Amino acid sequence: FCAAISEYDQMLFEDETQNRMMETKVLFDWVLKQRCFEKTSFMLFLNKFDIFEEKIQK
């Protein structure tokens, strides 16, 4: 599962009250709880680290 770490400070385009990273967490939680994935191992990849670094240096 991939999540953009750089989206920690962004809101959804379609709902500006929802944080993008929190929405990704909700989706990840939902996927993990699906019965068809009960015995499946998951890996979480946090991508866009370069953009994240630029943001936190400002």
N, C-alpha and C. Protein backbone atom coordinates (compact mmCIF):
# COMPACT_ATOMS: atom_id res chain seq x y z
N PHE A 1 0.85 -1.16 0.00
CA PHE A 1 0.00 0.00 0.00
C PHE A 1 0.90 1.23 0.00
N CYS A 2 0.64 2.16 -0.88
CA CYS A 2 1.46 3.39 -0.97
C CYS A 2 0.69 4.58 -0.43
N ALA A 3 1.39 5.41 0.31
CA ALA A 3 0.81 6.65 0.83
C ALA A 3 1.84 7.76 0.67
N ALA A 4 1.38 8.90 0.22
CA ALA A 4 2.27 10.05 0.02
C ALA A 4 2.47 10.78 1.35
N ILE A 5 3.66 10.69 1.89
CA ILE A 5 3.96 11.35 3.17
C ILE A 5 3.89 12.87 3.03
N SER A 6 4.05 13.36 1.82
CA SER A 6 4.03 14.81 1.58
C SER A 6 2.63 15.41 1.68
N GLU A 7 1.61 14.58 1.78
CA GLU A 7 0.23 15.07 1.84
C GLU A 7 -0.25 15.35 3.26
N TYR A 8 0.66 15.34 4.21
CA TYR A 8 0.27 15.55 5.60
C TYR A 8 -0.41 16.90 5.83
N ASP A 9 -0.13 17.86 4.98
CA ASP A 9 -0.67 19.22 5.16
C ASP A 9 -1.64 19.63 4.06
N GLN A 10 -2.21 18.65 3.35
CA GLN A 10 -3.11 18.96 2.23
C GLN A 10 -4.50 18.42 2.51
N MET A 11 -5.47 19.09 1.92
CA MET A 11 -6.86 18.68 2.05
C MET A 11 -7.32 18.05 0.74
N LEU A 12 -8.37 17.25 0.81
CA LEU A 12 -8.92 16.63 -0.39
C LEU A 12 -9.50 17.69 -1.31
N PHE A 13 -9.35 17.49 -2.61
CA PHE A 13 -9.91 18.41 -3.59
C PHE A 13 -11.43 18.44 -3.50
N GLU A 14 -12.03 17.25 -3.36
CA GLU A 14 -13.49 17.15 -3.37
C GLU A 14 -14.13 17.46 -2.02
N ASP A 15 -13.33 17.52 -0.95
CA ASP A 15 -13.86 17.83 0.38
C ASP A 15 -12.76 18.51 1.19
N GLU A 16 -12.76 19.81 1.18
CA GLU A 16 -11.68 20.57 1.81
C GLU A 16 -11.67 20.51 3.33
N THR A 17 -12.57 19.73 3.92
CA THR A 17 -12.56 19.55 5.37
C THR A 17 -11.79 18.28 5.76
N GLN A 18 -11.43 17.47 4.76
CA GLN A 18 -10.77 16.20 5.02
C GLN A 18 -9.29 16.27 4.64
N ASN A 19 -8.43 15.91 5.58
CA ASN A 19 -6.99 15.85 5.34
C ASN A 19 -6.67 14.64 4.47
N ARG A 20 -5.79 14.84 3.48
CA ARG A 20 -5.46 13.76 2.55
C ARG A 20 -4.79 12.57 3.23
N MET A 21 -3.89 12.83 4.15
CA MET A 21 -3.20 11.73 4.81
C MET A 21 -4.17 10.94 5.70
N MET A 22 -5.09 11.64 6.35
CA MET A 22 -6.07 10.94 7.18
C MET A 22 -7.01 10.10 6.31
N GLU A 23 -7.36 10.62 5.15
CA GLU A 23 -8.21 9.86 4.23
C GLU A 23 -7.48 8.60 3.75
N THR A 24 -6.19 8.71 3.50
CA THR A 24 -5.40 7.54 3.11
C THR A 24 -5.37 6.53 4.24
N LYS A 25 -5.25 7.00 5.48
CA LYS A 25 -5.26 6.10 6.64
C LYS A 25 -6.60 5.37 6.74
N VAL A 26 -7.69 6.09 6.53
CA VAL A 26 -9.02 5.48 6.57
C VAL A 26 -9.13 4.39 5.50
N LEU A 27 -8.65 4.68 4.30
CA LEU A 27 -8.68 3.70 3.22
C LEU A 27 -7.82 2.48 3.57
N PHE A 28 -6.63 2.71 4.09
CA PHE A 28 -5.75 1.61 4.48
C PHE A 28 -6.40 0.75 5.56
N ASP A 29 -6.99 1.39 6.56
CA ASP A 29 -7.70 0.64 7.61
C ASP A 29 -8.83 -0.20 7.03
N TRP A 30 -9.57 0.38 6.09
CA TRP A 30 -10.69 -0.32 5.46
C TRP A 30 -10.18 -1.56 4.72
N VAL A 31 -9.12 -1.39 3.94
CA VAL A 31 -8.54 -2.52 3.19
C VAL A 31 -8.10 -3.62 4.15
N LEU A 32 -7.43 -3.24 5.23
CA LEU A 32 -6.95 -4.24 6.19
C LEU A 32 -8.07 -5.05 6.82
N LYS A 33 -9.24 -4.45 6.96
CA LYS A 33 -10.37 -5.11 7.63
C LYS A 33 -11.21 -5.97 6.69
N GLN A 34 -10.90 -5.96 5.41
CA GLN A 34 -11.68 -6.76 4.47
C GLN A 34 -11.42 -8.25 4.68
N ARG A 35 -12.49 -8.99 4.70
CA ARG A 35 -12.40 -10.43 4.98
C ARG A 35 -11.50 -11.15 3.98
N CYS A 36 -11.52 -10.73 2.73
CA CYS A 36 -10.72 -11.42 1.71
C CYS A 36 -9.21 -11.22 1.93
N PHE A 37 -8.84 -10.28 2.78
CA PHE A 37 -7.42 -10.04 3.07
C PHE A 37 -7.02 -10.51 4.47
N GLU A 38 -7.86 -11.33 5.10
CA GLU A 38 -7.62 -11.79 6.47
C GLU A 38 -6.22 -12.36 6.68
N LYS A 39 -5.76 -13.15 5.75
CA LYS A 39 -4.47 -13.84 5.91
C LYS A 39 -3.39 -13.23 5.02
N THR A 40 -3.58 -12.00 4.64
CA THR A 40 -2.64 -11.32 3.75
C THR A 40 -1.71 -10.41 4.53
N SER A 41 -0.45 -10.46 4.20
CA SER A 41 0.51 -9.52 4.79
C SER A 41 0.52 -8.25 3.95
N PHE A 42 0.72 -7.14 4.61
CA PHE A 42 0.75 -5.85 3.91
C PHE A 42 2.06 -5.14 4.19
N MET A 43 2.46 -4.33 3.24
CA MET A 43 3.60 -3.42 3.42
C MET A 43 3.08 -2.02 3.14
N LEU A 44 3.48 -1.09 3.97
CA LEU A 44 3.10 0.30 3.78
C LEU A 44 4.32 1.06 3.29
N PHE A 45 4.20 1.65 2.11
CA PHE A 45 5.27 2.45 1.54
C PHE A 45 4.88 3.92 1.63
N LEU A 46 5.72 4.71 2.25
CA LEU A 46 5.51 6.16 2.30
C LEU A 46 6.37 6.77 1.21
N ASN A 47 5.74 7.27 0.16
CA ASN A 47 6.50 7.83 -0.94
C ASN A 47 6.44 9.36 -0.93
N LYS A 48 7.05 9.97 -1.91
CA LYS A 48 7.16 11.43 -2.06
C LYS A 48 7.92 12.05 -0.89
N PHE A 49 8.92 11.32 -0.42
CA PHE A 49 9.73 11.79 0.71
C PHE A 49 10.51 13.05 0.36
N ASP A 50 10.92 13.19 -0.90
CA ASP A 50 11.65 14.38 -1.32
C ASP A 50 10.81 15.64 -1.17
N ILE A 51 9.54 15.55 -1.51
CA ILE A 51 8.63 16.70 -1.37
C ILE A 51 8.40 16.98 0.11
N PHE A 52 8.25 15.92 0.90
CA PHE A 52 8.08 16.07 2.34
C PHE A 52 9.26 16.80 2.96
N GLU A 53 10.48 16.41 2.58
CA GLU A 53 11.68 17.07 3.11
C GLU A 53 11.70 18.56 2.78
N GLU A 54 11.33 18.89 1.55
CA GLU A 54 11.29 20.30 1.14
C GLU A 54 10.30 21.08 2.00
N LYS A 55 9.16 20.50 2.25
CA LYS A 55 8.12 21.17 3.03
C LYS A 55 8.56 21.43 4.47
N ILE A 56 9.19 20.46 5.09
CA ILE A 56 9.54 20.63 6.51
C ILE A 56 10.76 21.51 6.70
N GLN A 57 11.52 21.74 5.63
CA GLN A 57 12.68 22.63 5.74
C GLN A 57 12.29 24.09 5.63
N LYS A 58 11.09 24.36 5.17
CA LYS A 58 10.64 25.76 5.01
C LYS A 58 10.15 26.34 6.31
